[in-house]
Amino acid sequence: MHGVRGWMGALLAGVVVLAMGCMNESSESPVPGLSTQTVELTDAQILRVMQVANESEIAFGALGQSRASTASVRDFSVKMVTEHTVAREELGLLAVDQQLRPADSELSSMLMADAQHMMAEMDSLEGTRFDLALMDVQLALHARTAMLMDSLLLSQSDNEALRQMLTTQRKAVQGHLEEALPIQKALFDAPAP
C-alpha cells in the first residue's frame, strides 16, 4: 500500500508543478515527458485533453464497478461511468456542432500514458486496499483535471461554446472531488481488516 500511496503523492506533486507551470505563460514545461516549450493548445487539442480525462474516468469507474468491495466505492464508480459518459458524449456533439476535430498533443498523450500506468498499478490490489487506491486515483485524476482546466484549458480556448462546456464540466469535476474526499477519508480511517 505504501508503494501506491507514494506513487499517488508523487502524482499529486506533479499535478501541482504542472498547474504552477501552466499559470505562468512564459514558463517552460515543468512536466517530465513534455517538451520544454510553453504549453499552448488549440481548441482541438483542448477537446482531446478533455476526451482523455473523461475516458480515463470511465475506465476507472468500470474497474471500480467490477472490483470494489465497498458499497460507497461501487456507487461512486457507477456515478463516474454514467456522468463521464454523458460528458464525453456532450463533447462529441460539441465537436460536430463546432466542426472541431480532436487533436492529440503532448499533454493528452501524457495524460493517457499516466492513466494506463495507474490502471496497471491497480492490478495487484484487492479488497479495501483496492478501494482506497481507487479513491486515491479518483481524487488525483479529478484534481489534475480541475487544475488543468483552471490554469490552462479555459484560458487558452478560443471557441466560446467549448469554453462554456469547459465551465460546465469544471463544476462537475469539483462536485466529484467533493464527493470522493469523504469516501476516501472513511476508507483511510477504517480499521484494518
Foldseek 3Di string as FASTA:
>chain_A
DVVLVVVLVVLLVLLVQQLVQLQDQQAFGPHPQAGRHGDADEQLQLLLLLLLLLVLLLVLLVVQCVAEPDPLSVVLSVVSNVVSVVLNVVSVVVCVVVVHHRDHDSNSVVSNVVSVVLVVVLVVDHYLVSSLSSLSVLLSSLVSLLSCLVRPSLVNYPDPVSNVSSVVVSVVSVVSNVSSVVVNVCSVPDDDD
